[in-house]
Structure formats: C-alpha cells, structure tokens
PDB file of N, CA and C in Angstrom:
ATOM      1  N   MET A   1       0.848  -1.179   0.000  1.00  0.00           N
ATOM      2  CA  MET A   1       0.000   0.000   0.000  1.00  0.00           C
ATOM      3  C   MET A   1       0.890   1.239   0.000  1.00  0.00           C
ATOM      4  N   THR A   2       0.617   2.141  -0.889  1.00  0.00           N
ATOM      5  CA  THR A   2       1.414   3.358  -0.978  1.00  0.00           C
ATOM      6  C   THR A   2       0.973   4.354   0.092  1.00  0.00           C
ATOM      7  N   ALA A   3       1.784   5.376   0.294  1.00  0.00           N
ATOM      8  CA  ALA A   3       1.469   6.400   1.292  1.00  0.00           C
ATOM      9  C   ALA A   3       0.187   7.143   0.923  1.00  0.00           C
ATOM     10  N   TYR A   4      -0.019   7.348  -0.364  1.00  0.00           N
ATOM     11  CA  TYR A   4      -1.239   8.015  -0.813  1.00  0.00           C
ATOM     12  C   TYR A   4      -2.479   7.201  -0.455  1.00  0.00           C
ATOM     13  N   LEU A   5      -2.435   5.900  -0.698  1.00  0.00           N
ATOM     14  CA  LEU A   5      -3.583   5.052  -0.383  1.00  0.00           C
ATOM     15  C   LEU A   5      -3.811   4.957   1.122  1.00  0.00           C
ATOM     16  N   LEU A   6      -2.734   4.902   1.899  1.00  0.00           N
ATOM     17  CA  LEU A   6      -2.865   4.868   3.358  1.00  0.00           C
ATOM     18  C   LEU A   6      -3.519   6.146   3.872  1.00  0.00           C
ATOM     19  N   ALA A   7      -3.064   7.287   3.361  1.00  0.00           N
ATOM     20  CA  ALA A   7      -3.668   8.563   3.765  1.00  0.00           C
ATOM     21  C   ALA A   7      -5.131   8.628   3.348  1.00  0.00           C
ATOM     22  N   ASP A   8      -5.444   8.119   2.160  1.00  0.00           N
ATOM     23  CA  ASP A   8      -6.820   8.100   1.679  1.00  0.00           C
ATOM     24  C   ASP A   8      -7.703   7.245   2.583  1.00  0.00           C
ATOM     25  N   HIS A   9      -7.219   6.084   2.979  1.00  0.00           N
ATOM     26  CA  HIS A   9      -7.988   5.208   3.858  1.00  0.00           C
ATOM     27  C   HIS A   9      -8.192   5.836   5.236  1.00  0.00           C
ATOM     28  N   LEU A  10      -7.169   6.456   5.778  1.00  0.00           N
ATOM     29  CA  LEU A  10      -7.292   7.085   7.094  1.00  0.00           C
ATOM     30  C   LEU A  10      -8.253   8.271   7.063  1.00  0.00           C
ATOM     31  N   LEU A  11      -8.169   9.074   6.014  1.00  0.00           N
ATOM     32  CA  LEU A  11      -9.088  10.209   5.911  1.00  0.00           C
ATOM     33  C   LEU A  11     -10.531   9.754   5.739  1.00  0.00           C
ATOM     34  N   ASN A  12     -10.745   8.707   4.974  1.00  0.00           N
ATOM     35  CA  ASN A  12     -12.105   8.188   4.806  1.00  0.00           C
ATOM     36  C   ASN A  12     -12.620   7.540   6.079  1.00  0.00           C
ATOM     37  N   LEU A  13     -11.734   6.972   6.879  1.00  0.00           N
ATOM     38  CA  LEU A  13     -12.148   6.395   8.157  1.00  0.00           C
ATOM     39  C   LEU A  13     -12.593   7.492   9.118  1.00  0.00           C
ATOM     40  N   LEU A  14     -11.870   8.610   9.132  1.00  0.00           N
ATOM     41  CA  LEU A  14     -12.136   9.662  10.111  1.00  0.00           C
ATOM     42  C   LEU A  14     -13.114  10.728   9.620  1.00  0.00           C
ATOM     43  N   ALA A  15     -13.543  10.661   8.390  1.00  0.00           N
ATOM     44  CA  ALA A  15     -14.450  11.679   7.842  1.00  0.00           C
ATOM     45  C   ALA A  15     -15.774  11.794   8.607  1.00  0.00           C
ATOM     46  N   PRO A  16     -16.433  10.689   8.995  1.00  0.00           N
ATOM     47  CA  PRO A  16     -17.680  10.852   9.758  1.00  0.00           C
ATOM     48  C   PRO A  16     -17.472  11.546  11.105  1.00  0.00           C
ATOM     49  N   ALA A  17     -16.374  11.240  11.769  1.00  0.00           N
ATOM     50  CA  ALA A  17     -16.097  11.877  13.061  1.00  0.00           C
ATOM     51  C   ALA A  17     -15.800  13.363  12.881  1.00  0.00           C
ATOM     52  N   ALA A  18     -15.078  13.714  11.836  1.00  0.00           N
ATOM     53  CA  ALA A  18     -14.748  15.116  11.597  1.00  0.00           C
ATOM     54  C   ALA A  18     -15.998  15.930  11.265  1.00  0.00           C
ATOM     55  N   LEU A  19     -16.854  15.389  10.425  1.00  0.00           N
ATOM     56  CA  LEU A  19     -18.081  16.104  10.067  1.00  0.00           C
ATOM     57  C   LEU A  19     -18.991  16.279  11.278  1.00  0.00           C
ATOM     58  N   MET A  20     -19.154  15.220  12.049  1.00  0.00           N
ATOM     59  CA  MET A  20     -20.001  15.327  13.243  1.00  0.00           C
ATOM     60  C   MET A  20     -19.414  16.283  14.267  1.00  0.00           C
ATOM     61  N   ALA A  21     -18.096  16.299  14.406  1.00  0.00           N
ATOM     62  CA  ALA A  21     -17.460  17.209  15.364  1.00  0.00           C
ATOM     63  C   ALA A  21     -17.725  18.660  14.986  1.00  0.00           C
ATOM     64  N   LEU A  22     -17.615  18.973  13.708  1.00  0.00           N
ATOM     65  CA  LEU A  22     -17.880  20.340  13.266  1.00  0.00           C
ATOM     66  C   LEU A  22     -19.352  20.709  13.422  1.00  0.00           C
ATOM     67  N   LEU A  23     -20.246  19.784  13.111  1.00  0.00           N
ATOM     68  CA  LEU A  23     -21.673  20.066  13.255  1.00  0.00           C
ATOM     69  C   LEU A  23     -22.076  20.219  14.719  1.00  0.00           C
ATOM     70  N   LEU A  24     -21.554  19.361  15.577  1.00  0.00           N
ATOM     71  CA  LEU A  24     -21.914  19.441  16.996  1.00  0.00           C
ATOM     72  C   LEU A  24     -21.370  20.697  17.655  1.00  0.00           C
ATOM     73  N   ALA A  25     -20.252  21.198  17.182  1.00  0.00           N
ATOM     74  CA  ALA A  25     -19.693  22.420  17.759  1.00  0.00           C
ATOM     75  C   ALA A  25     -20.345  23.674  17.186  1.00  0.00           C
ATOM     76  N   GLY A  26     -20.774  23.612  15.939  1.00  0.00           N
ATOM     77  CA  GLY A  26     -21.311  24.802  15.296  1.00  0.00           C
ATOM     78  C   GLY A  26     -22.802  25.012  15.423  1.00  0.00           C
ATOM     79  N   LEU A  27     -23.571  23.936  15.391  1.00  0.00           N
ATOM     80  CA  LEU A  27     -25.029  24.082  15.417  1.00  0.00           C
ATOM     81  C   LEU A  27     -25.591  24.682  16.710  1.00  0.00           C
ATOM     82  N   PRO A  28     -25.057  24.369  17.891  1.00  0.00           N
ATOM     83  CA  PRO A  28     -25.600  25.032  19.087  1.00  0.00           C
ATOM     84  C   PRO A  28     -25.457  26.546  19.046  1.00  0.00           C
ATOM     85  N   ARG A  29     -24.370  27.045  18.482  1.00  0.00           N
ATOM     86  CA  ARG A  29     -24.206  28.496  18.369  1.00  0.00           C
ATOM     87  C   ARG A  29     -25.220  29.098  17.391  1.00  0.00           C
ATOM     88  N   LEU A  30     -25.473  28.389  16.318  1.00  0.00           N
ATOM     89  CA  LEU A  30     -26.455  28.864  15.353  1.00  0.00           C
ATOM     90  C   LEU A  30     -27.846  28.916  15.974  1.00  0.00           C
ATOM     91  N   PHE A  31     -28.225  27.861  16.670  1.00  0.00           N
ATOM     92  CA  PHE A  31     -29.563  27.816  17.248  1.00  0.00           C
ATOM     93  C   PHE A  31     -29.691  28.664  18.508  1.00  0.00           C
ATOM     94  N   SER A  32     -28.593  28.942  19.208  1.00  0.00           N
ATOM     95  CA  SER A  32     -28.694  29.826  20.373  1.00  0.00           C
ATOM     96  C   SER A  32     -29.009  31.245  19.919  1.00  0.00           C
ATOM     97  N   GLU A  33     -28.490  31.660  18.760  1.00  0.00           N
ATOM     98  CA  GLU A  33     -28.839  32.968  18.216  1.00  0.00           C
ATOM     99  C   GLU A  33     -30.281  32.976  17.711  1.00  0.00           C
ATOM    100  N   PHE A  34     -30.699  31.871  17.121  1.00  0.00           N
ATOM    101  CA  PHE A  34     -32.051  31.790  16.573  1.00  0.00           C
ATOM    102  C   PHE A  34     -33.092  31.837  17.687  1.00  0.00           C
ATOM    103  N   PHE A  35     -32.837  31.152  18.798  1.00  0.00           N
ATOM    104  CA  PHE A  35     -33.786  31.108  19.904  1.00  0.00           C
ATOM    105  C   PHE A  35     -33.480  32.136  20.983  1.00  0.00           C
ATOM    106  N   ARG A  36     -32.483  32.977  20.749  1.00  0.00           N
ATOM    107  CA  ARG A  36     -32.084  34.038  21.676  1.00  0.00           C
ATOM    108  C   ARG A  36     -31.760  33.499  23.069  1.00  0.00           C
ATOM    109  N   SER A  37     -30.946  32.469  23.101  1.00  0.00           N
ATOM    110  CA  SER A  37     -30.550  31.867  24.368  1.00  0.00           C
ATOM    111  C   SER A  37     -29.549  32.766  25.078  1.00  0.00           C
ATOM    112  N   LYS A  38     -29.668  32.864  26.393  1.00  0.00           N
ATOM    113  CA  LYS A  38     -28.758  33.684  27.193  1.00  0.00           C
ATOM    114  C   LYS A  38     -27.590  32.881  27.755  1.00  0.00           C
ATOM    115  N   GLN A  39     -27.575  31.580  27.500  1.00  0.00           N
ATOM    116  CA  GLN A  39     -26.540  30.722  28.044  1.00  0.00           C
ATOM    117  C   GLN A  39     -25.201  31.001  27.362  1.00  0.00           C
ATOM    118  N   ALA A  40     -24.171  31.212  28.181  1.00  0.00           N
ATOM    119  CA  ALA A  40     -22.835  31.430  27.644  1.00  0.00           C
ATOM    120  C   ALA A  40     -22.153  30.081  27.427  1.00  0.00           C
ATOM    121  N   PHE A  41     -21.392  29.990  26.354  1.00  0.00           N
ATOM    122  CA  PHE A  41     -20.678  28.756  26.066  1.00  0.00           C
ATOM    123  C   PHE A  41     -19.385  28.727  26.871  1.00  0.00           C
ATOM    124  N   VAL A  42     -19.090  27.576  27.433  1.00  0.00           N
ATOM    125  CA  VAL A  42     -17.934  27.438  28.307  1.00  0.00           C
ATOM    126  C   VAL A  42     -16.643  27.417  27.498  1.00  0.00           C
ATOM    127  N   GLN A  43     -16.658  26.743  26.366  1.00  0.00           N
ATOM    128  CA  GLN A  43     -15.449  26.589  25.559  1.00  0.00           C
ATOM    129  C   GLN A  43     -15.667  27.154  24.165  1.00  0.00           C
ATOM    130  N   ALA A  44     -14.562  27.469  23.524  1.00  0.00           N
ATOM    131  CA  ALA A  44     -14.625  27.923  22.138  1.00  0.00           C
ATOM    132  C   ALA A  44     -15.079  26.774  21.248  1.00  0.00           C
ATOM    133  N   TRP A  45     -15.643  27.105  20.092  1.00  0.00           N
ATOM    134  CA  TRP A  45     -16.149  26.054  19.205  1.00  0.00           C
ATOM    135  C   TRP A  45     -15.019  25.161  18.715  1.00  0.00           C
ATOM    136  N   SER A  46     -13.822  25.728  18.539  1.00  0.00           N
ATOM    137  CA  SER A  46     -12.712  24.913  18.061  1.00  0.00           C
ATOM    138  C   SER A  46     -12.272  23.890  19.101  1.00  0.00           C
ATOM    139  N   VAL A  47     -12.349  24.245  20.366  1.00  0.00           N
ATOM    140  CA  VAL A  47     -12.000  23.300  21.441  1.00  0.00           C
ATOM    141  C   VAL A  47     -13.051  22.193  21.513  1.00  0.00           C
ATOM    142  N   GLN A  48     -14.313  22.574  21.412  1.00  0.00           N
ATOM    143  CA  GLN A  48     -15.377  21.569  21.412  1.00  0.00           C
ATOM    144  C   GLN A  48     -15.242  20.624  20.225  1.00  0.00           C
ATOM    145  N   ALA A  49     -14.945  21.165  19.057  1.00  0.00           N
ATOM    146  CA  ALA A  49     -14.789  20.327  17.867  1.00  0.00           C
ATOM    147  C   ALA A  49     -13.596  19.393  18.018  1.00  0.00           C
ATOM    148  N   ALA A  50     -12.506  19.882  18.602  1.00  0.00           N
ATOM    149  CA  ALA A  50     -11.321  19.037  18.788  1.00  0.00           C
ATOM    150  C   ALA A  50     -11.592  17.901  19.764  1.00  0.00           C
ATOM    151  N   ILE A  51     -12.284  18.195  20.847  1.00  0.00           N
ATOM    152  CA  ILE A  51     -12.614  17.147  21.823  1.00  0.00           C
ATOM    153  C   ILE A  51     -13.548  16.119  21.194  1.00  0.00           C
ATOM    154  N   ASN A  52     -14.546  16.592  20.458  1.00  0.00           N
ATOM    155  CA  ASN A  52     -15.464  15.665  19.786  1.00  0.00           C
ATOM    156  C   ASN A  52     -14.748  14.834  18.728  1.00  0.00           C
ATOM    157  N   LEU A  53     -13.797  15.419  18.030  1.00  0.00           N
ATOM    158  CA  LEU A  53     -13.038  14.672  17.038  1.00  0.00           C
ATOM    159  C   LEU A  53     -12.196  13.584  17.697  1.00  0.00           C
ATOM    160  N   ILE A  54     -11.609  13.880  18.834  1.00  0.00           N
ATOM    161  CA  ILE A  54     -10.823  12.873  19.559  1.00  0.00           C
ATOM    162  C   ILE A  54     -11.716  11.731  20.023  1.00  0.00           C
ATOM    163  N   VAL A  55     -12.877  12.065  20.560  1.00  0.00           N
ATOM    164  CA  VAL A  55     -13.823  11.031  20.996  1.00  0.00           C
ATOM    165  C   VAL A  55     -14.272  10.190  19.804  1.00  0.00           C
ATOM    166  N   GLY A  56     -14.620  10.842  18.711  1.00  0.00           N
ATOM    167  CA  GLY A  56     -15.067  10.126  17.520  1.00  0.00           C
ATOM    168  C   GLY A  56     -13.987   9.246  16.918  1.00  0.00           C
ATOM    169  N   THR A  57     -12.754   9.732  16.914  1.00  0.00           N
ATOM    170  CA  THR A  57     -11.642   8.934  16.407  1.00  0.00           C
ATOM    171  C   THR A  57     -11.435   7.692  17.252  1.00  0.00           C
ATOM    172  N   GLY A  58     -11.557   7.851  18.557  1.00  0.00           N
ATOM    173  CA  GLY A  58     -11.424   6.688  19.446  1.00  0.00           C
ATOM    174  C   GLY A  58     -12.503   5.657  19.208  1.00  0.00           C
ATOM    175  N   VAL A  59     -13.727   6.109  19.020  1.00  0.00           N
ATOM    176  CA  VAL A  59     -14.841   5.180  18.790  1.00  0.00           C
ATOM    177  C   VAL A  59     -14.676   4.461  17.451  1.00  0.00           C
ATOM    178  N   LEU A  60     -14.313   5.204  16.401  1.00  0.00           N
ATOM    179  CA  LEU A  60     -14.137   4.574  15.095  1.00  0.00           C
ATOM    180  C   LEU A  60     -12.965   3.592  15.098  1.00  0.00           C
ATOM    181  N   THR A  61     -11.899   3.931  15.790  1.00  0.00           N
ATOM    182  CA  THR A  61     -10.753   3.023  15.885  1.00  0.00           C
ATOM    183  C   THR A  61     -11.124   1.778  16.674  1.00  0.00           C
ATOM    184  N   ALA A  62     -11.846   1.958  17.773  1.00  0.00           N
ATOM    185  CA  ALA A  62     -12.279   0.797  18.559  1.00  0.00           C
ATOM    186  C   ALA A  62     -13.214  -0.090  17.747  1.00  0.00           C
ATOM    187  N   GLY A  63     -14.102   0.499  16.975  1.00  0.00           N
ATOM    188  CA  GLY A  63     -14.990  -0.287  16.120  1.00  0.00           C
ATOM    189  C   GLY A  63     -14.232  -1.056  15.062  1.00  0.00           C
ATOM    190  N   LEU A  64     -13.208  -0.433  14.511  1.00  0.00           N
ATOM    191  CA  LEU A  64     -12.382  -1.117  13.514  1.00  0.00           C
ATOM    192  C   LEU A  64     -11.630  -2.291  14.129  1.00  0.00           C
ATOM    193  N   VAL A  65     -11.085  -2.097  15.323  1.00  0.00           N
ATOM    194  CA  VAL A  65     -10.317  -3.159  15.986  1.00  0.00           C
ATOM    195  C   VAL A  65     -11.234  -4.281  16.461  1.00  0.00           C
ATOM    196  N   LEU A  66     -12.340  -3.928  17.100  1.00  0.00           N
ATOM    197  CA  LEU A  66     -13.208  -4.949  17.685  1.00  0.00           C
ATOM    198  C   LEU A  66     -14.040  -5.700  16.652  1.00  0.00           C
ATOM    199  N   LEU A  67     -14.520  -5.007  15.628  1.00  0.00           N
ATOM    200  CA  LEU A  67     -15.395  -5.643  14.648  1.00  0.00           C
ATOM    201  C   LEU A  67     -14.649  -6.161  13.415  1.00  0.00           C
ATOM    202  N   GLY A  68     -13.405  -5.761  13.257  1.00  0.00           N
ATOM    203  CA  GLY A  68     -12.602  -6.300  12.171  1.00  0.00           C
ATOM    204  C   GLY A  68     -12.676  -5.544  10.865  1.00  0.00           C
ATOM    205  N   ARG A  69     -13.597  -4.606  10.737  1.00  0.00           N
ATOM    206  CA  ARG A  69     -13.671  -3.771   9.539  1.00  0.00           C
ATOM    207  C   ARG A  69     -14.427  -2.498   9.883  1.00  0.00           C
ATOM    208  N   ASP A  70     -14.191  -1.475   9.084  1.00  0.00           N
ATOM    209  CA  ASP A  70     -14.890  -0.217   9.352  1.00  0.00           C
ATOM    210  C   ASP A  70     -16.196  -0.180   8.573  1.00  0.00           C
ATOM    211  N   GLY A  71     -17.038   0.775   8.910  1.00  0.00           N
ATOM    212  CA  GLY A  71     -18.295   0.934   8.206  1.00  0.00           C
ATOM    213  C   GLY A  71     -19.440   0.100   8.742  1.00  0.00           C
ATOM    214  N   LYS A  72     -19.263  -0.561   9.869  1.00  0.00           N
ATOM    215  CA  LYS A  72     -20.369  -1.317  10.457  1.00  0.00           C
ATOM    216  C   LYS A  72     -21.352  -0.344  11.106  1.00  0.00           C
ATOM    217  N   MET A  73     -22.623  -0.662  11.040  1.00  0.00           N
ATOM    218  CA  MET A  73     -23.652   0.213  11.580  1.00  0.00           C
ATOM    219  C   MET A  73     -23.521   0.358  13.097  1.00  0.00           C
ATOM    220  N   ALA A  74     -23.096  -0.685  13.782  1.00  0.00           N
ATOM    221  CA  ALA A  74     -22.917  -0.609  15.235  1.00  0.00           C
ATOM    222  C   ALA A  74     -21.861   0.430  15.604  1.00  0.00           C
ATOM    223  N   THR A  75     -20.821   0.542  14.795  1.00  0.00           N
ATOM    224  CA  THR A  75     -19.788   1.542  15.042  1.00  0.00           C
ATOM    225  C   THR A  75     -20.347   2.942  14.888  1.00  0.00           C
ATOM    226  N   TYR A  76     -21.176   3.155  13.877  1.00  0.00           N
ATOM    227  CA  TYR A  76     -21.753   4.477  13.667  1.00  0.00           C
ATOM    228  C   TYR A  76     -22.767   4.833  14.756  1.00  0.00           C
ATOM    229  N   VAL A  77     -23.488   3.868  15.261  1.00  0.00           N
ATOM    230  CA  VAL A  77     -24.410   4.115  16.366  1.00  0.00           C
ATOM    231  C   VAL A  77     -23.625   4.535  17.614  1.00  0.00           C
ATOM    232  N   MET A  78     -22.539   3.820  17.880  1.00  0.00           N
ATOM    233  CA  MET A  78     -21.706   4.176  19.038  1.00  0.00           C
ATOM    234  C   MET A  78     -21.033   5.535  18.833  1.00  0.00           C
ATOM    235  N   LEU A  79     -20.687   5.855  17.587  1.00  0.00           N
ATOM    236  CA  LEU A  79     -20.105   7.164  17.283  1.00  0.00           C
ATOM    237  C   LEU A  79     -21.081   8.282  17.626  1.00  0.00           C
ATOM    238  N   VAL A  80     -22.310   8.139  17.205  1.00  0.00           N
ATOM    239  CA  VAL A  80     -23.329   9.163  17.477  1.00  0.00           C
ATOM    240  C   VAL A  80     -23.574   9.290  18.976  1.00  0.00           C
ATOM    241  N   LEU A  81     -23.709   8.172  19.670  1.00  0.00           N
ATOM    242  CA  LEU A  81     -23.968   8.223  21.109  1.00  0.00           C
ATOM    243  C   LEU A  81     -22.799   8.817  21.886  1.00  0.00           C
ATOM    244  N   ALA A  82     -21.596   8.414  21.557  1.00  0.00           N
ATOM    245  CA  ALA A  82     -20.417   8.913  22.282  1.00  0.00           C
ATOM    246  C   ALA A  82     -20.200  10.401  22.024  1.00  0.00           C
ATOM    247  N   MET A  83     -20.367  10.826  20.796  1.00  0.00           N
ATOM    248  CA  MET A  83     -20.151  12.246  20.503  1.00  0.00           C
ATOM    249  C   MET A  83     -21.285  13.111  21.055  1.00  0.00           C
ATOM    250  N   ALA A  84     -22.494  12.605  21.064  1.00  0.00           N
ATOM    251  CA  ALA A  84     -23.597  13.357  21.677  1.00  0.00           C
ATOM    252  C   ALA A  84     -23.384  13.492  23.179  1.00  0.00           C
ATOM    253  N   PHE A  85     -22.920  12.424  23.817  1.00  0.00           N
ATOM    254  CA  PHE A  85     -22.637  12.495  25.247  1.00  0.00           C
ATOM    255  C   PHE A  85     -21.482  13.454  25.531  1.00  0.00           C
ATOM    256  N   SER A  86     -20.478  13.440  24.696  1.00  0.00           N
ATOM    257  CA  SER A  86     -19.346  14.356  24.850  1.00  0.00           C
ATOM    258  C   SER A  86     -19.796  15.809  24.731  1.00  0.00           C
ATOM    259  N   GLN A  87     -20.615  16.101  23.742  1.00  0.00           N
ATOM    260  CA  GLN A  87     -21.113  17.470  23.563  1.00  0.00           C
ATOM    261  C   GLN A  87     -22.027  17.866  24.716  1.00  0.00           C
ATOM    262  N   TRP A  88     -22.837  16.958  25.182  1.00  0.00           N
ATOM    263  CA  TRP A  88     -23.723  17.238  26.312  1.00  0.00           C
ATOM    264  C   TRP A  88     -22.906  17.585  27.554  1.00  0.00           C
ATOM    265  N   CYS A  89     -21.839  16.835  27.788  1.00  0.00           N
ATOM    266  CA  CYS A  89     -20.966  17.125  28.929  1.00  0.00           C
ATOM    267  C   CYS A  89     -20.274  18.472  28.768  1.00  0.00           C
ATOM    268  N   GLN A  90     -19.836  18.790  27.552  1.00  0.00           N
ATOM    269  CA  GLN A  90     -19.150  20.050  27.325  1.00  0.00           C
ATOM    270  C   GLN A  90     -20.066  21.253  27.485  1.00  0.00           C
ATOM    271  N   LEU A  91     -21.334  21.082  27.174  1.00  0.00           N
ATOM    272  CA  LEU A  91     -22.278  22.191  27.321  1.00  0.00           C
ATOM    273  C   LEU A  91     -22.891  22.282  28.716  1.00  0.00           C
ATOM    274  N   GLY A  92     -22.505  21.356  29.598  1.00  0.00           N
ATOM    275  CA  GLY A  92     -23.015  21.387  30.963  1.00  0.00           C
ATOM    276  C   GLY A  92     -24.449  20.934  31.051  1.00  0.00           C
ATOM    277  N   GLY A  93     -24.817  19.915  30.331  1.00  0.00           N
ATOM    278  CA  GLY A  93     -26.189  19.429  30.303  1.00  0.00           C
ATOM    279  C   GLY A  93     -26.679  18.875  31.622  1.00  0.00           C
ATOM    280  N   TRP A  94     -25.797  18.440  32.481  1.00  0.00           N
ATOM    281  CA  TRP A  94     -26.206  17.871  33.757  1.00  0.00           C
ATOM    282  C   TRP A  94     -26.628  18.960  34.749  1.00  0.00           C
ATOM    283  N   LYS A  95     -26.343  20.216  34.451  1.00  0.00           N
ATOM    284  CA  LYS A  95     -26.648  21.315  35.377  1.00  0.00           C
ATOM    285  C   LYS A  95     -28.086  21.799  35.252  1.00  0.00           C
ATOM    286  N   ARG A  96     -28.789  21.378  34.226  1.00  0.00           N
ATOM    287  CA  ARG A  96     -30.144  21.884  33.990  1.00  0.00           C
ATOM    288  C   ARG A  96     -31.173  21.092  34.706  1.00  0.00           C
TER     289      ARG A  96
END
C-alpha cells in the first residue's frame, strides 16, 4: 500500500467523526442565536470540535479493531452516542 492510499484510507475512516465534530460544535451556536438563548458557552467552538473529534476517532478506531472492519452500523451508532454524550458534557447538560 502506498502512502497516498494509506492517507486516503485514514481520511475516509475519520471523515464521519470530523463532520459530526464540526456540526456538533457549530449548530448550538447557530440555534442559540435563533432562539435568543442567554446561556454562555464554556469553551470555544474549536475546542469543542477538537474534543469531539478525539472522541469520535477513538470510537471509530475501537470499532475497527473490535469488529474487524470499518463501516459497520454498530460503530456508527456508538459514534453518534459517544459524541452526543461528549457534547452534552461540554455544554453542561447535567446542570439543567
């Protein structure tokens, strides 16, 4: 496998986590302006996206190791749950 193909495979493996990390960090800010929320965000969006990307990368890697191949639906379900829980913790969801 060439370096180009290895990079292509790694980027395709991490693409769902990267997209979800950006959406989870950006959408609350968009909707807080839309609903005129007074809640201040604890962390910058880039920090939230980085933490979510790390969580998502861990879940996708664990799914690849445990299930033997990537792209299994169980891995994507765990990705959504883990990243949603991570974002909930970052926004202080337990305080409400």
